[in-house]
Amino acid sequence: MDLAEALAAHTAWKTKFAAYLRDPDGSLTEAEVSDEKACELGTWICREALTSSGRDRRKCLELQAAHTLFHLAAAKLAREVELREEVSAAVYGHASAEVIRHILRMKAQAPGAEQAY
């Protein structure tokens, strides 16, 4: 998976999760939502990004940490929706933005990448 595909995987998971939040039918559990290794992006981070010799390990670890926080925020949001509590999506939105920021930073700094000015 390249970084563009990583970004697409994150977006696809968020779309699936948003559908669940609109209709919390029990098809996702809190454990599934909180497990950052259960999604395509998390699998890629653990299996490829962290083990690739061509990637900056520190940046990969930062992405992994941001991704973990994203899934914890998603689990909290799912729990609030399921319990019909007041929903606070700000932390979830910020956590998602951080994952995207890390992926885009890695993409911009990849060898041969065009630099944004």
PDB file of N, CA and C in Angstrom:
ATOM      1  N   MET A   1       0.860  -1.167   0.000  1.00  0.00           N
ATOM      2  CA  MET A   1       0.000   0.000   0.000  1.00  0.00           C
ATOM      3  C   MET A   1       0.908   1.232   0.000  1.00  0.00           C
ATOM      4  N   ASP A   2       0.605   2.168  -0.869  1.00  0.00           N
ATOM      5  CA  ASP A   2       1.363   3.415  -0.834  1.00  0.00           C
ATOM      6  C   ASP A   2       0.609   4.422   0.037  1.00  0.00           C
ATOM      7  N   LEU A   3       1.159   5.611   0.172  1.00  0.00           N
ATOM      8  CA  LEU A   3       0.567   6.595   1.077  1.00  0.00           C
ATOM      9  C   LEU A   3      -0.780   7.120   0.581  1.00  0.00           C
ATOM     10  N   ALA A   4      -0.970   7.192  -0.728  1.00  0.00           N
ATOM     11  CA  ALA A   4      -2.281   7.592  -1.259  1.00  0.00           C
ATOM     12  C   ALA A   4      -3.327   6.537  -0.909  1.00  0.00           C
ATOM     13  N   GLU A   5      -2.956   5.279  -1.003  1.00  0.00           N
ATOM     14  CA  GLU A   5      -3.868   4.192  -0.637  1.00  0.00           C
ATOM     15  C   GLU A   5      -4.121   4.184   0.874  1.00  0.00           C
ATOM     16  N   ALA A   6      -3.113   4.553   1.643  1.00  0.00           N
ATOM     17  CA  ALA A   6      -3.281   4.636   3.099  1.00  0.00           C
ATOM     18  C   ALA A   6      -4.314   5.703   3.447  1.00  0.00           C
ATOM     19  N   LEU A   7      -4.226   6.826   2.772  1.00  0.00           N
ATOM     20  CA  LEU A   7      -5.192   7.902   2.982  1.00  0.00           C
ATOM     21  C   LEU A   7      -6.596   7.447   2.567  1.00  0.00           C
ATOM     22  N   ALA A   8      -6.696   6.752   1.452  1.00  0.00           N
ATOM     23  CA  ALA A   8      -7.990   6.236   0.984  1.00  0.00           C
ATOM     24  C   ALA A   8      -8.562   5.214   1.968  1.00  0.00           C
ATOM     25  N   ALA A   9      -7.703   4.391   2.542  1.00  0.00           N
ATOM     26  CA  ALA A   9      -8.162   3.390   3.513  1.00  0.00           C
ATOM     27  C   ALA A   9      -8.731   4.076   4.754  1.00  0.00           C
ATOM     28  N   HIS A  10      -8.075   5.128   5.206  1.00  0.00           N
ATOM     29  CA  HIS A  10      -8.566   5.873   6.374  1.00  0.00           C
ATOM     30  C   HIS A  10      -9.923   6.505   6.054  1.00  0.00           C
ATOM     31  N   THR A  11     -10.045   7.087   4.884  1.00  0.00           N
ATOM     32  CA  THR A  11     -11.293   7.720   4.472  1.00  0.00           C
ATOM     33  C   THR A  11     -12.413   6.688   4.356  1.00  0.00           C
ATOM     34  N   ALA A  12     -12.111   5.528   3.803  1.00  0.00           N
ATOM     35  CA  ALA A  12     -13.121   4.473   3.664  1.00  0.00           C
ATOM     36  C   ALA A  12     -13.601   4.000   5.037  1.00  0.00           C
ATOM     37  N   TRP A  13     -12.677   3.851   5.992  1.00  0.00           N
ATOM     38  CA  TRP A  13     -13.078   3.426   7.333  1.00  0.00           C
ATOM     39  C   TRP A  13     -13.969   4.481   7.975  1.00  0.00           C
ATOM     40  N   LYS A  14     -13.604   5.747   7.810  1.00  0.00           N
ATOM     41  CA  LYS A  14     -14.417   6.824   8.380  1.00  0.00           C
ATOM     42  C   LYS A  14     -15.819   6.841   7.767  1.00  0.00           C
ATOM     43  N   THR A  15     -15.935   6.560   6.481  1.00  0.00           N
ATOM     44  CA  THR A  15     -17.238   6.511   5.814  1.00  0.00           C
ATOM     45  C   THR A  15     -18.083   5.377   6.390  1.00  0.00           C
ATOM     46  N   LYS A  16     -17.474   4.221   6.560  1.00  0.00           N
ATOM     47  CA  LYS A  16     -18.177   3.072   7.151  1.00  0.00           C
ATOM     48  C   LYS A  16     -18.616   3.405   8.580  1.00  0.00           C
ATOM     49  N   PHE A  17     -17.745   4.029   9.332  1.00  0.00           N
ATOM     50  CA  PHE A  17     -18.051   4.374  10.717  1.00  0.00           C
ATOM     51  C   PHE A  17     -19.155   5.427  10.787  1.00  0.00           C
ATOM     52  N   ALA A  18     -19.126   6.398   9.892  1.00  0.00           N
ATOM     53  CA  ALA A  18     -20.171   7.434   9.861  1.00  0.00           C
ATOM     54  C   ALA A  18     -21.534   6.807   9.599  1.00  0.00           C
ATOM     55  N   ALA A  19     -21.580   5.823   8.711  1.00  0.00           N
ATOM     56  CA  ALA A  19     -22.840   5.121   8.439  1.00  0.00           C
ATOM     57  C   ALA A  19     -23.322   4.407   9.697  1.00  0.00           C
ATOM     58  N   TYR A  20     -22.395   3.814  10.405  1.00  0.00           N
ATOM     59  CA  TYR A  20     -22.760   3.133  11.653  1.00  0.00           C
ATOM     60  C   TYR A  20     -23.300   4.134  12.681  1.00  0.00           C
ATOM     61  N   LEU A  21     -22.685   5.290  12.781  1.00  0.00           N
ATOM     62  CA  LEU A  21     -23.139   6.287  13.749  1.00  0.00           C
ATOM     63  C   LEU A  21     -24.548   6.779  13.422  1.00  0.00           C
ATOM     64  N   ARG A  22     -24.860   6.866  12.131  1.00  0.00           N
ATOM     65  CA  ARG A  22     -26.210   7.272  11.732  1.00  0.00           C
ATOM     66  C   ARG A  22     -27.229   6.204  12.090  1.00  0.00           C
ATOM     67  N   ASP A  23     -26.816   4.944  12.063  1.00  0.00           N
ATOM     68  CA  ASP A  23     -27.698   3.822  12.374  1.00  0.00           C
ATOM     69  C   ASP A  23     -26.935   2.791  13.203  1.00  0.00           C
ATOM     70  N   PRO A  24     -26.771   3.063  14.513  1.00  0.00           N
ATOM     71  CA  PRO A  24     -25.999   2.138  15.369  1.00  0.00           C
ATOM     72  C   PRO A  24     -26.761   0.833  15.597  1.00  0.00           C
ATOM     73  N   ASP A  25     -26.600  -0.076  14.649  1.00  0.00           N
ATOM     74  CA  ASP A  25     -27.369  -1.316  14.634  1.00  0.00           C
ATOM     75  C   ASP A  25     -26.684  -2.474  15.354  1.00  0.00           C
ATOM     76  N   GLY A  26     -25.570  -2.197  16.020  1.00  0.00           N
ATOM     77  CA  GLY A  26     -24.855  -3.247  16.736  1.00  0.00           C
ATOM     78  C   GLY A  26     -23.909  -4.054  15.862  1.00  0.00           C
ATOM     79  N   SER A  27     -23.771  -3.676  14.585  1.00  0.00           N
ATOM     80  CA  SER A  27     -22.894  -4.417  13.674  1.00  0.00           C
ATOM     81  C   SER A  27     -21.418  -4.184  13.984  1.00  0.00           C
ATOM     82  N   LEU A  28     -21.117  -3.128  14.704  1.00  0.00           N
ATOM     83  CA  LEU A  28     -19.753  -2.872  15.165  1.00  0.00           C
ATOM     84  C   LEU A  28     -19.760  -2.867  16.688  1.00  0.00           C
ATOM     85  N   THR A  29     -18.733  -3.446  17.264  1.00  0.00           N
ATOM     86  CA  THR A  29     -18.609  -3.412  18.713  1.00  0.00           C
ATOM     87  C   THR A  29     -17.567  -2.374  19.100  1.00  0.00           C
ATOM     88  N   GLU A  30     -17.615  -1.962  20.345  1.00  0.00           N
ATOM     89  CA  GLU A  30     -16.623  -1.005  20.826  1.00  0.00           C
ATOM     90  C   GLU A  30     -15.217  -1.587  20.679  1.00  0.00           C
ATOM     91  N   ALA A  31     -15.074  -2.878  20.941  1.00  0.00           N
ATOM     92  CA  ALA A  31     -13.761  -3.520  20.812  1.00  0.00           C
ATOM     93  C   ALA A  31     -13.257  -3.463  19.372  1.00  0.00           C
ATOM     94  N   GLU A  32     -14.140  -3.676  18.400  1.00  0.00           N
ATOM     95  CA  GLU A  32     -13.745  -3.618  16.990  1.00  0.00           C
ATOM     96  C   GLU A  32     -13.340  -2.203  16.590  1.00  0.00           C
ATOM     97  N   VAL A  33     -14.118  -1.228  17.051  1.00  0.00           N
ATOM     98  CA  VAL A  33     -13.843   0.162  16.695  1.00  0.00           C
ATOM     99  C   VAL A  33     -12.538   0.636  17.331  1.00  0.00           C
ATOM    100  N   SER A  34     -12.271   0.205  18.557  1.00  0.00           N
ATOM    101  CA  SER A  34     -11.071   0.665  19.250  1.00  0.00           C
ATOM    102  C   SER A  34      -9.802  -0.053  18.799  1.00  0.00           C
ATOM    103  N   ASP A  35      -9.930  -1.152  18.080  1.00  0.00           N
ATOM    104  CA  ASP A  35      -8.766  -1.934  17.648  1.00  0.00           C
ATOM    105  C   ASP A  35      -8.150  -1.341  16.386  1.00  0.00           C
ATOM    106  N   GLU A  36      -7.098  -0.569  16.560  1.00  0.00           N
ATOM    107  CA  GLU A  36      -6.463   0.100  15.419  1.00  0.00           C
ATOM    108  C   GLU A  36      -5.801  -0.864  14.458  1.00  0.00           C
ATOM    109  N   LYS A  37      -5.581  -2.100  14.875  1.00  0.00           N
ATOM    110  CA  LYS A  37      -4.959  -3.083  13.988  1.00  0.00           C
ATOM    111  C   LYS A  37      -5.989  -3.849  13.167  1.00  0.00           C
ATOM    112  N   ALA A  38      -7.273  -3.626  13.437  1.00  0.00           N
ATOM    113  CA  ALA A  38      -8.330  -4.352  12.729  1.00  0.00           C
ATOM    114  C   ALA A  38      -8.722  -3.688  11.414  1.00  0.00           C
ATOM    115  N   CYS A  39      -8.287  -2.459  11.194  1.00  0.00           N
ATOM    116  CA  CYS A  39      -8.627  -1.776   9.936  1.00  0.00           C
ATOM    117  C   CYS A  39      -7.458  -1.908   8.956  1.00  0.00           C
ATOM    118  N   GLU A  40      -7.745  -1.602   7.702  1.00  0.00           N
ATOM    119  CA  GLU A  40      -6.730  -1.740   6.647  1.00  0.00           C
ATOM    120  C   GLU A  40      -5.516  -0.849   6.901  1.00  0.00           C
ATOM    121  N   LEU A  41      -5.751   0.383   7.329  1.00  0.00           N
ATOM    122  CA  LEU A  41      -4.632   1.291   7.594  1.00  0.00           C
ATOM    123  C   LEU A  41      -3.775   0.773   8.749  1.00  0.00           C
ATOM    124  N   GLY A  42      -4.413   0.332   9.817  1.00  0.00           N
ATOM    125  CA  GLY A  42      -3.669  -0.189  10.964  1.00  0.00           C
ATOM    126  C   GLY A  42      -2.846  -1.410  10.615  1.00  0.00           C
ATOM    127  N   THR A  43      -3.414  -2.282   9.802  1.00  0.00           N
ATOM    128  CA  THR A  43      -2.680  -3.469   9.346  1.00  0.00           C
ATOM    129  C   THR A  43      -1.455  -3.043   8.544  1.00  0.00           C
ATOM    130  N   TRP A  44      -1.633  -2.063   7.659  1.00  0.00           N
ATOM    131  CA  TRP A  44      -0.516  -1.577   6.848  1.00  0.00           C
ATOM    132  C   TRP A  44       0.570  -0.956   7.726  1.00  0.00           C
ATOM    133  N   ILE A  45       0.163  -0.151   8.693  1.00  0.00           N
ATOM    134  CA  ILE A  45       1.149   0.493   9.568  1.00  0.00           C
ATOM    135  C   ILE A  45       2.005  -0.570  10.248  1.00  0.00           C
ATOM    136  N   CYS A  46       1.365  -1.586  10.791  1.00  0.00           N
ATOM    137  CA  CYS A  46       2.096  -2.616  11.543  1.00  0.00           C
ATOM    138  C   CYS A  46       2.911  -3.541  10.646  1.00  0.00           C
ATOM    139  N   ARG A  47       2.367  -3.915   9.507  1.00  0.00           N
ATOM    140  CA  ARG A  47       3.029  -4.915   8.663  1.00  0.00           C
ATOM    141  C   ARG A  47       4.016  -4.325   7.669  1.00  0.00           C
ATOM    142  N   GLU A  48       3.745  -3.132   7.187  1.00  0.00           N
ATOM    143  CA  GLU A  48       4.605  -2.582   6.139  1.00  0.00           C
ATOM    144  C   GLU A  48       5.325  -1.306   6.546  1.00  0.00           C
ATOM    145  N   ALA A  49       4.571  -0.323   7.014  1.00  0.00           N
ATOM    146  CA  ALA A  49       5.165   0.993   7.267  1.00  0.00           C
ATOM    147  C   ALA A  49       6.274   0.930   8.300  1.00  0.00           C
ATOM    148  N   LEU A  50       6.037   0.226   9.396  1.00  0.00           N
ATOM    149  CA  LEU A  50       7.040   0.174  10.463  1.00  0.00           C
ATOM    150  C   LEU A  50       8.220  -0.729  10.132  1.00  0.00           C
ATOM    151  N   THR A  51       8.052  -1.621   9.169  1.00  0.00           N
ATOM    152  CA  THR A  51       9.129  -2.559   8.854  1.00  0.00           C
ATOM    153  C   THR A  51       9.880  -2.212   7.574  1.00  0.00           C
ATOM    154  N   SER A  52       9.394  -1.211   6.831  1.00  0.00           N
ATOM    155  CA  SER A  52      10.023  -0.830   5.577  1.00  0.00           C
ATOM    156  C   SER A  52      11.320  -0.070   5.838  1.00  0.00           C
ATOM    157  N   SER A  53      12.376  -0.495   5.195  1.00  0.00           N
ATOM    158  CA  SER A  53      13.661   0.185   5.377  1.00  0.00           C
ATOM    159  C   SER A  53      13.674   1.543   4.681  1.00  0.00           C
ATOM    160  N   GLY A  54      12.747   1.758   3.763  1.00  0.00           N
ATOM    161  CA  GLY A  54      12.729   3.014   3.020  1.00  0.00           C
ATOM    162  C   GLY A  54      11.919   4.113   3.687  1.00  0.00           C
ATOM    163  N   ARG A  55      11.361   3.846   4.854  1.00  0.00           N
ATOM    164  CA  ARG A  55      10.524   4.837   5.530  1.00  0.00           C
ATOM    165  C   ARG A  55      11.210   5.342   6.792  1.00  0.00           C
ATOM    166  N   ASP A  56      10.901   6.554   7.149  1.00  0.00           N
ATOM    167  CA  ASP A  56      11.388   7.162   8.380  1.00  0.00           C
ATOM    168  C   ASP A  56      10.628   6.540   9.552  1.00  0.00           C
ATOM    169  N   ARG A  57      11.301   5.756  10.353  1.00  0.00           N
ATOM    170  CA  ARG A  57      10.644   5.016  11.447  1.00  0.00           C
ATOM    171  C   ARG A  57       9.968   5.961  12.432  1.00  0.00           C
ATOM    172  N   ARG A  58      10.579   7.095  12.727  1.00  0.00           N
ATOM    173  CA  ARG A  58       9.984   8.043  13.674  1.00  0.00           C
ATOM    174  C   ARG A  58       8.645   8.546  13.158  1.00  0.00           C
ATOM    175  N   LYS A  59       8.581   8.865  11.877  1.00  0.00           N
ATOM    176  CA  LYS A  59       7.329   9.342  11.288  1.00  0.00           C
ATOM    177  C   LYS A  59       6.271   8.232  11.298  1.00  0.00           C
ATOM    178  N   CYS A  60       6.699   7.010  11.065  1.00  0.00           N
ATOM    179  CA  CYS A  60       5.766   5.882  11.104  1.00  0.00           C
ATOM    180  C   CYS A  60       5.228   5.669  12.519  1.00  0.00           C
ATOM    181  N   LEU A  61       6.090   5.816  13.509  1.00  0.00           N
ATOM    182  CA  LEU A  61       5.644   5.674  14.900  1.00  0.00           C
ATOM    183  C   LEU A  61       4.685   6.800  15.284  1.00  0.00           C
ATOM    184  N   GLU A  62       4.936   8.003  14.778  1.00  0.00           N
ATOM    185  CA  GLU A  62       4.027   9.121  15.036  1.00  0.00           C
ATOM    186  C   GLU A  62       2.669   8.861  14.396  1.00  0.00           C
ATOM    187  N   LEU A  63       2.673   8.325  13.173  1.00  0.00           N
ATOM    188  CA  LEU A  63       1.423   7.970  12.509  1.00  0.00           C
ATOM    189  C   LEU A  63       0.700   6.885  13.302  1.00  0.00           C
ATOM    190  N   GLN A  64       1.448   5.905  13.746  1.00  0.00           N
ATOM    191  CA  GLN A  64       0.839   4.820  14.520  1.00  0.00           C
ATOM    192  C   GLN A  64       0.183   5.358  15.796  1.00  0.00           C
ATOM    193  N   ALA A  65       0.850   6.253  16.491  1.00  0.00           N
ATOM    194  CA  ALA A  65       0.296   6.839  17.719  1.00  0.00           C
ATOM    195  C   ALA A  65      -0.966   7.640  17.413  1.00  0.00           C
ATOM    196  N   ALA A  66      -0.934   8.446  16.350  1.00  0.00           N
ATOM    197  CA  ALA A  66      -2.111   9.232  15.960  1.00  0.00           C
ATOM    198  C   ALA A  66      -3.263   8.312  15.576  1.00  0.00           C
ATOM    199  N   HIS A  67      -2.950   7.230  14.897  1.00  0.00           N
ATOM    200  CA  HIS A  67      -3.967   6.269  14.469  1.00  0.00           C
ATOM    201  C   HIS A  67      -4.592   5.569  15.677  1.00  0.00           C
ATOM    202  N   THR A  68      -3.794   5.230  16.663  1.00  0.00           N
ATOM    203  CA  THR A  68      -4.311   4.618  17.893  1.00  0.00           C
ATOM    204  C   THR A  68      -5.268   5.578  18.590  1.00  0.00           C
ATOM    205  N   LEU A  69      -4.873   6.833  18.722  1.00  0.00           N
ATOM    206  CA  LEU A  69      -5.740   7.833  19.362  1.00  0.00           C
ATOM    207  C   LEU A  69      -7.030   8.022  18.575  1.00  0.00           C
ATOM    208  N   PHE A  70      -6.949   7.970  17.257  1.00  0.00           N
ATOM    209  CA  PHE A  70      -8.144   8.080  16.425  1.00  0.00           C
ATOM    210  C   PHE A  70      -9.130   6.964  16.756  1.00  0.00           C
ATOM    211  N   HIS A  71      -8.643   5.743  16.841  1.00  0.00           N
ATOM    212  CA  HIS A  71      -9.541   4.620  17.120  1.00  0.00           C
ATOM    213  C   HIS A  71     -10.109   4.683  18.540  1.00  0.00           C
ATOM    214  N   LEU A  72      -9.339   5.170  19.480  1.00  0.00           N
ATOM    215  CA  LEU A  72      -9.864   5.346  20.837  1.00  0.00           C
ATOM    216  C   LEU A  72     -10.958   6.414  20.856  1.00  0.00           C
ATOM    217  N   ALA A  73     -10.755   7.498  20.112  1.00  0.00           N
ATOM    218  CA  ALA A  73     -11.773   8.549  20.016  1.00  0.00           C
ATOM    219  C   ALA A  73     -13.022   8.025  19.312  1.00  0.00           C
ATOM    220  N   ALA A  74     -12.842   7.202  18.288  1.00  0.00           N
ATOM    221  CA  ALA A  74     -13.986   6.616  17.576  1.00  0.00           C
ATOM    222  C   ALA A  74     -14.775   5.696  18.500  1.00  0.00           C
ATOM    223  N   ALA A  75     -14.078   4.914  19.307  1.00  0.00           N
ATOM    224  CA  ALA A  75     -14.758   4.008  20.247  1.00  0.00           C
ATOM    225  C   ALA A  75     -15.559   4.806  21.271  1.00  0.00           C
ATOM    226  N   LYS A  76     -14.992   5.898  21.749  1.00  0.00           N
ATOM    227  CA  LYS A  76     -15.702   6.752  22.706  1.00  0.00           C
ATOM    228  C   LYS A  76     -16.949   7.339  22.049  1.00  0.00           C
ATOM    229  N   LEU A  77     -16.824   7.790  20.829  1.00  0.00           N
ATOM    230  CA  LEU A  77     -17.956   8.356  20.106  1.00  0.00           C
ATOM    231  C   LEU A  77     -19.035   7.295  19.879  1.00  0.00           C
ATOM    232  N   ALA A  78     -18.639   6.100  19.488  1.00  0.00           N
ATOM    233  CA  ALA A  78     -19.603   5.016  19.275  1.00  0.00           C
ATOM    234  C   ALA A  78     -20.345   4.696  20.575  1.00  0.00           C
ATOM    235  N   ARG A  79     -19.611   4.663  21.662  1.00  0.00           N
ATOM    236  CA  ARG A  79     -20.220   4.389  22.972  1.00  0.00           C
ATOM    237  C   ARG A  79     -21.239   5.471  23.322  1.00  0.00           C
ATOM    238  N   GLU A  80     -20.898   6.729  23.092  1.00  0.00           N
ATOM    239  CA  GLU A  80     -21.820   7.837  23.379  1.00  0.00           C
ATOM    240  C   GLU A  80     -23.094   7.715  22.538  1.00  0.00           C
ATOM    241  N   VAL A  81     -22.944   7.372  21.259  1.00  0.00           N
ATOM    242  CA  VAL A  81     -24.102   7.230  20.383  1.00  0.00           C
ATOM    243  C   VAL A  81     -24.973   6.058  20.842  1.00  0.00           C
ATOM    244  N   GLU A  82     -24.341   4.931  21.132  1.00  0.00           N
ATOM    245  CA  GLU A  82     -25.085   3.743  21.550  1.00  0.00           C
ATOM    246  C   GLU A  82     -25.828   3.957  22.870  1.00  0.00           C
ATOM    247  N   LEU A  83     -25.223   4.721  23.775  1.00  0.00           N
ATOM    248  CA  LEU A  83     -25.857   4.987  25.071  1.00  0.00           C
ATOM    249  C   LEU A  83     -26.771   6.209  25.021  1.00  0.00           C
ATOM    250  N   ARG A  84     -26.854   6.807  23.842  1.00  0.00           N
ATOM    251  CA  ARG A  84     -27.673   8.000  23.626  1.00  0.00           C
ATOM    252  C   ARG A  84     -27.270   9.137  24.559  1.00  0.00           C
ATOM    253  N   GLU A  85     -25.972   9.227  24.776  1.00  0.00           N
ATOM    254  CA  GLU A  85     -25.421  10.318  25.574  1.00  0.00           C
ATOM    255  C   GLU A  85     -25.159  11.512  24.656  1.00  0.00           C
ATOM    256  N   GLU A  86     -24.854  12.634  25.259  1.00  0.00           N
ATOM    257  CA  GLU A  86     -24.477  13.794  24.461  1.00  0.00           C
ATOM    258  C   GLU A  86     -23.198  13.448  23.704  1.00  0.00           C
ATOM    259  N   VAL A  87     -23.240  13.659  22.413  1.00  0.00           N
ATOM    260  CA  VAL A  87     -22.127  13.261  21.557  1.00  0.00           C
ATOM    261  C   VAL A  87     -21.151  14.421  21.410  1.00  0.00           C
ATOM    262  N   SER A  88     -19.878  14.099  21.602  1.00  0.00           N
ATOM    263  CA  SER A  88     -18.812  15.075  21.445  1.00  0.00           C
ATOM    264  C   SER A  88     -17.878  14.569  20.351  1.00  0.00           C
ATOM    265  N   ALA A  89     -18.125  15.001  19.127  1.00  0.00           N
ATOM    266  CA  ALA A  89     -17.355  14.515  17.985  1.00  0.00           C
ATOM    267  C   ALA A  89     -16.082  15.310  17.736  1.00  0.00           C
ATOM    268  N   ALA A  90     -15.841  16.351  18.502  1.00  0.00           N
ATOM    269  CA  ALA A  90     -14.675  17.202  18.247  1.00  0.00           C
ATOM    270  C   ALA A  90     -13.365  16.433  18.397  1.00  0.00           C
ATOM    271  N   VAL A  91     -13.251  15.614  19.427  1.00  0.00           N
ATOM    272  CA  VAL A  91     -12.012  14.852  19.643  1.00  0.00           C
ATOM    273  C   VAL A  91     -11.800  13.870  18.495  1.00  0.00           C
ATOM    274  N   TYR A  92     -12.875  13.229  18.062  1.00  0.00           N
ATOM    275  CA  TYR A  92     -12.809  12.291  16.940  1.00  0.00           C
ATOM    276  C   TYR A  92     -12.351  13.019  15.674  1.00  0.00           C
ATOM    277  N   GLY A  93     -12.950  14.168  15.397  1.00  0.00           N
ATOM    278  CA  GLY A  93     -12.573  14.940  14.213  1.00  0.00           C
ATOM    279  C   GLY A  93     -11.125  15.374  14.250  1.00  0.00           C
ATOM    280  N   HIS A  94     -10.677  15.826  15.409  1.00  0.00           N
ATOM    281  CA  HIS A  94      -9.275  16.240  15.554  1.00  0.00           C
ATOM    282  C   HIS A  94      -8.338  15.040  15.366  1.00  0.00           C
ATOM    283  N   ALA A  95      -8.704  13.897  15.953  1.00  0.00           N
ATOM    284  CA  ALA A  95      -7.861  12.700  15.839  1.00  0.00           C
ATOM    285  C   ALA A  95      -7.758  12.252  14.378  1.00  0.00           C
ATOM    286  N   SER A  96      -8.863  12.320  13.656  1.00  0.00           N
ATOM    287  CA  SER A  96      -8.839  11.957  12.245  1.00  0.00           C
ATOM    288  C   SER A  96      -7.952  12.918  11.457  1.00  0.00           C
ATOM    289  N   ALA A  97      -8.078  14.195  11.744  1.00  0.00           N
ATOM    290  CA  ALA A  97      -7.251  15.195  11.063  1.00  0.00           C
ATOM    291  C   ALA A  97      -5.767  14.953  11.318  1.00  0.00           C
ATOM    292  N   GLU A  98      -5.420  14.506  12.509  1.00  0.00           N
ATOM    293  CA  GLU A  98      -4.017  14.210  12.834  1.00  0.00           C
ATOM    294  C   GLU A  98      -3.497  13.029  12.017  1.00  0.00           C
ATOM    295  N   VAL A  99      -4.321  11.995  11.853  1.00  0.00           N
ATOM    296  CA  VAL A  99      -3.914  10.845  11.033  1.00  0.00           C
ATOM    297  C   VAL A  99      -3.650  11.323   9.606  1.00  0.00           C
ATOM    298  N   ILE A 100      -4.569  12.099   9.080  1.00  0.00           N
ATOM    299  CA  ILE A 100      -4.423  12.610   7.714  1.00  0.00           C
ATOM    300  C   ILE A 100      -3.183  13.490   7.604  1.00  0.00           C
ATOM    301  N   ARG A 101      -2.959  14.343   8.591  1.00  0.00           N
ATOM    302  CA  ARG A 101      -1.777  15.219   8.587  1.00  0.00           C
ATOM    303  C   ARG A 101      -0.487  14.400   8.533  1.00  0.00           C
ATOM    304  N   HIS A 102      -0.420  13.340   9.325  1.00  0.00           N
ATOM    305  CA  HIS A 102       0.789  12.514   9.340  1.00  0.00           C
ATOM    306  C   HIS A 102       0.996  11.808   8.000  1.00  0.00           C
ATOM    307  N   ILE A 103      -0.071  11.287   7.429  1.00  0.00           N
ATOM    308  CA  ILE A 103       0.060  10.617   6.130  1.00  0.00           C
ATOM    309  C   ILE A 103       0.517  11.610   5.068  1.00  0.00           C
ATOM    310  N   LEU A 104      -0.107  12.783   5.035  1.00  0.00           N
ATOM    311  CA  LEU A 104       0.272  13.782   4.027  1.00  0.00           C
ATOM    312  C   LEU A 104       1.704  14.264   4.224  1.00  0.00           C
ATOM    313  N   ARG A 105       2.140  14.393   5.473  1.00  0.00           N
ATOM    314  CA  ARG A 105       3.520  14.811   5.730  1.00  0.00           C
ATOM    315  C   ARG A 105       4.495  13.744   5.234  1.00  0.00           C
ATOM    316  N   MET A 106       4.165  12.471   5.496  1.00  0.00           N
ATOM    317  CA  MET A 106       5.023  11.386   5.012  1.00  0.00           C
ATOM    318  C   MET A 106       5.054  11.370   3.491  1.00  0.00           C
ATOM    319  N   LYS A 107       3.894  11.606   2.890  1.00  0.00           N
ATOM    320  CA  LYS A 107       3.809  11.603   1.424  1.00  0.00           C
ATOM    321  C   LYS A 107       4.645  12.739   0.840  1.00  0.00           C
ATOM    322  N   ALA A 108       4.558  13.912   1.440  1.00  0.00           N
ATOM    323  CA  ALA A 108       5.311  15.070   0.946  1.00  0.00           C
ATOM    324  C   ALA A 108       6.811  14.879   1.099  1.00  0.00           C
ATOM    325  N   GLN A 109       7.224  14.121   2.104  1.00  0.00           N
ATOM    326  CA  GLN A 109       8.648  13.942   2.378  1.00  0.00           C
ATOM    327  C   GLN A 109       9.199  12.649   1.786  1.00  0.00           C
ATOM    328  N   ALA A 110       8.356  11.918   1.079  1.00  0.00           N
ATOM    329  CA  ALA A 110       8.825  10.658   0.462  1.00  0.00           C
ATOM    330  C   ALA A 110       9.799  10.998  -0.658  1.00  0.00           C
ATOM    331  N   PRO A 111      10.779  10.124  -0.885  1.00  0.00           N
ATOM    332  CA  PRO A 111      11.724  10.344  -1.978  1.00  0.00           C
ATOM    333  C   PRO A 111      10.978  10.509  -3.305  1.00  0.00           C
ATOM    334  N   GLY A 112      11.322  11.556  -4.027  1.00  0.00           N
ATOM    335  CA  GLY A 112      10.722  11.805  -5.321  1.00  0.00           C
ATOM    336  C   GLY A 112       9.395  12.532  -5.260  1.00  0.00           C
ATOM    337  N   ALA A 113       8.925  12.866  -4.056  1.00  0.00           N
ATOM    338  CA  ALA A 113       7.642  13.558  -3.929  1.00  0.00           C
ATOM    339  C   ALA A 113       7.804  15.015  -4.323  1.00  0.00           C
ATOM    340  N   GLU A 114       6.740  15.559  -4.885  1.00  0.00           N
ATOM    341  CA  GLU A 114       6.743  16.985  -5.194  1.00  0.00           C
ATOM    342  C   GLU A 114       6.579  17.742  -3.881  1.00  0.00           C
ATOM    343  N   GLN A 115       7.361  18.747  -3.706  1.00  0.00           N
ATOM    344  CA  GLN A 115       7.262  19.560  -2.484  1.00  0.00           C
ATOM    345  C   GLN A 115       6.210  20.638  -2.664  1.00  0.00           C
ATOM    346  N   ALA A 116       5.358  20.797  -1.649  1.00  0.00           N
ATOM    347  CA  ALA A 116       4.334  21.842  -1.699  1.00  0.00           C
ATOM    348  C   ALA A 116       4.962  23.163  -1.263  1.00  0.00           C
ATOM    349  N   TYR A 117       4.628  24.208  -1.985  1.00  0.00           N
ATOM    350  CA  TYR A 117       5.158  25.522  -1.660  1.00  0.00           C
ATOM    351  C   TYR A 117       4.034  26.455  -1.310  1.00  0.00           C
TER     352      TYR A 117
END
